[in-house]
């Protein structure tokens, strides 16, 4: 899924781990693992929190 690919790309680019995402966003670790490792879709709120963590706007996500 494209949104999951973008999240993984951002994590690699910014050298962040799943634990970093959990600690910064407050998202549940199981959900972050599902999103990053199992390609399950994030909720809109989860996606927004994760993208905000990397300073990415929704318009940038749409154009990806």
N, C-alpha and C. Protein backbone atom coordinates (compact mmCIF):
# COMPACT_ATOMS: atom_id res chain seq x y z
N UNK A 1 0.85 -1.17 0.00
CA UNK A 1 0.00 0.00 0.00
C UNK A 1 0.89 1.24 0.00
N UNK A 2 0.54 2.23 -0.76
CA UNK A 2 1.38 3.41 -0.96
C UNK A 2 1.62 4.16 0.35
N UNK A 3 0.60 4.33 1.17
CA UNK A 3 0.77 5.10 2.41
C UNK A 3 1.75 4.39 3.34
N UNK A 4 1.71 3.07 3.38
CA UNK A 4 2.64 2.32 4.22
C UNK A 4 4.07 2.45 3.69
N UNK A 5 4.20 2.42 2.36
CA UNK A 5 5.52 2.61 1.75
C UNK A 5 6.09 3.97 2.11
N UNK A 6 5.25 4.99 2.07
CA UNK A 6 5.70 6.34 2.41
C UNK A 6 6.15 6.42 3.87
N UNK A 7 5.38 5.81 4.75
CA UNK A 7 5.75 5.80 6.17
C UNK A 7 7.10 5.10 6.36
N UNK A 8 7.28 3.95 5.73
CA UNK A 8 8.56 3.24 5.85
C UNK A 8 9.70 4.07 5.27
N UNK A 9 9.47 4.71 4.11
CA UNK A 9 10.51 5.56 3.50
C UNK A 9 10.90 6.70 4.43
N UNK A 10 9.91 7.32 5.07
CA UNK A 10 10.19 8.42 6.00
C UNK A 10 10.96 7.92 7.21
N UNK A 11 10.59 6.75 7.71
CA UNK A 11 11.31 6.18 8.86
C UNK A 11 12.77 5.93 8.51
N UNK A 12 13.01 5.39 7.33
CA UNK A 12 14.39 5.14 6.90
C UNK A 12 15.14 6.44 6.72
N UNK A 13 14.51 7.38 6.02
CA UNK A 13 15.16 8.67 5.74
C UNK A 13 15.53 9.41 7.02
N UNK A 14 14.65 9.33 8.03
CA UNK A 14 14.87 10.04 9.29
C UNK A 14 15.50 9.16 10.36
N UNK A 15 15.84 7.92 9.98
CA UNK A 15 16.47 6.96 10.89
C UNK A 15 15.66 6.77 12.17
N UNK A 16 14.37 6.51 12.01
CA UNK A 16 13.47 6.28 13.14
C UNK A 16 13.05 4.82 13.19
N UNK A 17 12.89 4.32 14.39
CA UNK A 17 12.45 2.94 14.60
C UNK A 17 10.96 2.93 14.94
N UNK A 18 10.40 1.74 15.01
CA UNK A 18 9.00 1.62 15.44
C UNK A 18 8.85 2.20 16.83
N UNK A 19 9.80 1.95 17.71
CA UNK A 19 9.75 2.50 19.08
C UNK A 19 9.75 4.02 19.06
N UNK A 20 10.54 4.62 18.17
CA UNK A 20 10.56 6.08 18.05
C UNK A 20 9.18 6.60 17.66
N UNK A 21 8.56 5.94 16.69
CA UNK A 21 7.23 6.36 16.23
C UNK A 21 6.23 6.26 17.38
N UNK A 22 6.28 5.17 18.12
CA UNK A 22 5.38 4.98 19.26
C UNK A 22 5.60 6.07 20.30
N UNK A 23 6.86 6.32 20.66
CA UNK A 23 7.17 7.31 21.69
C UNK A 23 6.80 8.73 21.28
N UNK A 24 6.99 9.07 20.02
CA UNK A 24 6.72 10.43 19.56
C UNK A 24 5.23 10.66 19.31
N UNK A 25 4.55 9.68 18.72
CA UNK A 25 3.15 9.88 18.35
C UNK A 25 2.16 9.43 19.42
N UNK A 26 2.59 8.53 20.29
CA UNK A 26 1.68 7.98 21.28
C UNK A 26 0.78 6.88 20.73
N UNK A 27 1.02 6.48 19.48
CA UNK A 27 0.25 5.39 18.88
C UNK A 27 0.62 4.07 19.56
N UNK A 28 -0.31 3.15 19.55
CA UNK A 28 -0.12 1.83 20.13
C UNK A 28 0.94 1.06 19.34
N UNK A 29 1.85 0.39 20.04
CA UNK A 29 2.96 -0.31 19.37
C UNK A 29 2.45 -1.39 18.42
N UNK A 30 1.40 -2.10 18.81
CA UNK A 30 0.87 -3.15 17.93
C UNK A 30 0.34 -2.55 16.63
N UNK A 31 -0.30 -1.38 16.72
CA UNK A 31 -0.82 -0.72 15.52
C UNK A 31 0.32 -0.24 14.63
N UNK A 32 1.36 0.31 15.22
CA UNK A 32 2.50 0.78 14.42
C UNK A 32 3.16 -0.41 13.73
N UNK A 33 3.30 -1.52 14.44
CA UNK A 33 3.85 -2.73 13.82
C UNK A 33 2.96 -3.21 12.68
N UNK A 34 1.64 -3.17 12.89
CA UNK A 34 0.71 -3.57 11.82
C UNK A 34 0.88 -2.69 10.59
N UNK A 35 1.02 -1.40 10.80
CA UNK A 35 1.16 -0.44 9.69
C UNK A 35 2.48 -0.63 8.97
N UNK A 36 3.57 -0.72 9.72
CA UNK A 36 4.91 -0.75 9.14
C UNK A 36 5.29 -2.14 8.63
N UNK A 37 4.98 -3.17 9.38
CA UNK A 37 5.44 -4.52 9.04
C UNK A 37 4.42 -5.36 8.27
N UNK A 38 3.13 -5.10 8.50
CA UNK A 38 2.10 -5.97 7.91
C UNK A 38 1.24 -5.28 6.86
N UNK A 39 1.56 -4.03 6.54
CA UNK A 39 0.84 -3.27 5.52
C UNK A 39 -0.65 -3.09 5.81
N UNK A 40 -1.03 -3.07 7.08
CA UNK A 40 -2.42 -2.75 7.41
C UNK A 40 -2.58 -1.23 7.36
N UNK A 41 -3.74 -0.78 6.93
CA UNK A 41 -3.97 0.65 6.76
C UNK A 41 -4.05 1.37 8.10
N UNK A 42 -3.38 2.51 8.21
CA UNK A 42 -3.53 3.31 9.42
C UNK A 42 -4.88 4.02 9.40
N UNK A 43 -5.40 4.33 10.59
CA UNK A 43 -6.59 5.17 10.64
C UNK A 43 -6.18 6.57 10.21
N UNK A 44 -7.13 7.40 9.83
CA UNK A 44 -6.76 8.78 9.46
C UNK A 44 -6.00 9.49 10.57
N UNK A 45 -6.40 9.27 11.83
CA UNK A 45 -5.73 9.91 12.95
C UNK A 45 -4.29 9.40 13.10
N UNK A 46 -4.11 8.09 12.99
CA UNK A 46 -2.76 7.52 13.07
C UNK A 46 -1.87 8.06 11.96
N UNK A 47 -2.40 8.09 10.75
CA UNK A 47 -1.62 8.59 9.62
C UNK A 47 -1.23 10.05 9.84
N UNK A 48 -2.17 10.86 10.31
CA UNK A 48 -1.87 12.27 10.55
C UNK A 48 -0.78 12.42 11.60
N UNK A 49 -0.87 11.68 12.70
CA UNK A 49 0.15 11.77 13.75
C UNK A 49 1.52 11.37 13.24
N UNK A 50 1.56 10.29 12.47
CA UNK A 50 2.85 9.81 11.95
C UNK A 50 3.45 10.80 10.96
N UNK A 51 2.62 11.31 10.05
CA UNK A 51 3.14 12.26 9.06
C UNK A 51 3.56 13.57 9.72
N UNK A 52 2.81 14.02 10.73
CA UNK A 52 3.19 15.24 11.45
C UNK A 52 4.54 15.05 12.14
N UNK A 53 4.80 13.85 12.62
CA UNK A 53 6.08 13.54 13.26
C UNK A 53 7.25 13.85 12.33
N UNK A 54 7.04 13.61 11.04
CA UNK A 54 8.09 13.83 10.05
C UNK A 54 7.96 15.18 9.36
N UNK A 55 7.00 16.00 9.77
CA UNK A 55 6.82 17.32 9.17
C UNK A 55 6.27 17.26 7.76
N UNK A 56 5.49 16.23 7.46
CA UNK A 56 4.92 16.06 6.13
C UNK A 56 3.45 16.45 6.17
N UNK A 57 3.04 17.29 5.22
CA UNK A 57 1.65 17.73 5.16
C UNK A 57 0.81 16.74 4.35
N UNK A 58 -0.50 16.82 4.53
CA UNK A 58 -1.38 15.94 3.79
C UNK A 58 -1.30 16.19 2.29
N UNK A 59 -1.08 17.43 1.88
CA UNK A 59 -0.95 17.70 0.45
C UNK A 59 0.29 17.02 -0.13
N UNK A 60 1.35 16.92 0.66
CA UNK A 60 2.54 16.20 0.21
C UNK A 60 2.26 14.71 0.09
N UNK A 61 1.47 14.18 1.02
CA UNK A 61 1.13 12.76 0.99
C UNK A 61 0.30 12.46 -0.25
N UNK A 62 -0.65 13.32 -0.56
CA UNK A 62 -1.52 13.12 -1.72
C UNK A 62 -0.72 13.15 -3.01
N UNK A 63 0.31 13.97 -3.07
CA UNK A 63 1.10 14.09 -4.30
C UNK A 63 2.17 13.00 -4.42
N UNK A 64 2.32 12.17 -3.40
CA UNK A 64 3.36 11.12 -3.41
C UNK A 64 3.07 10.06 -4.43
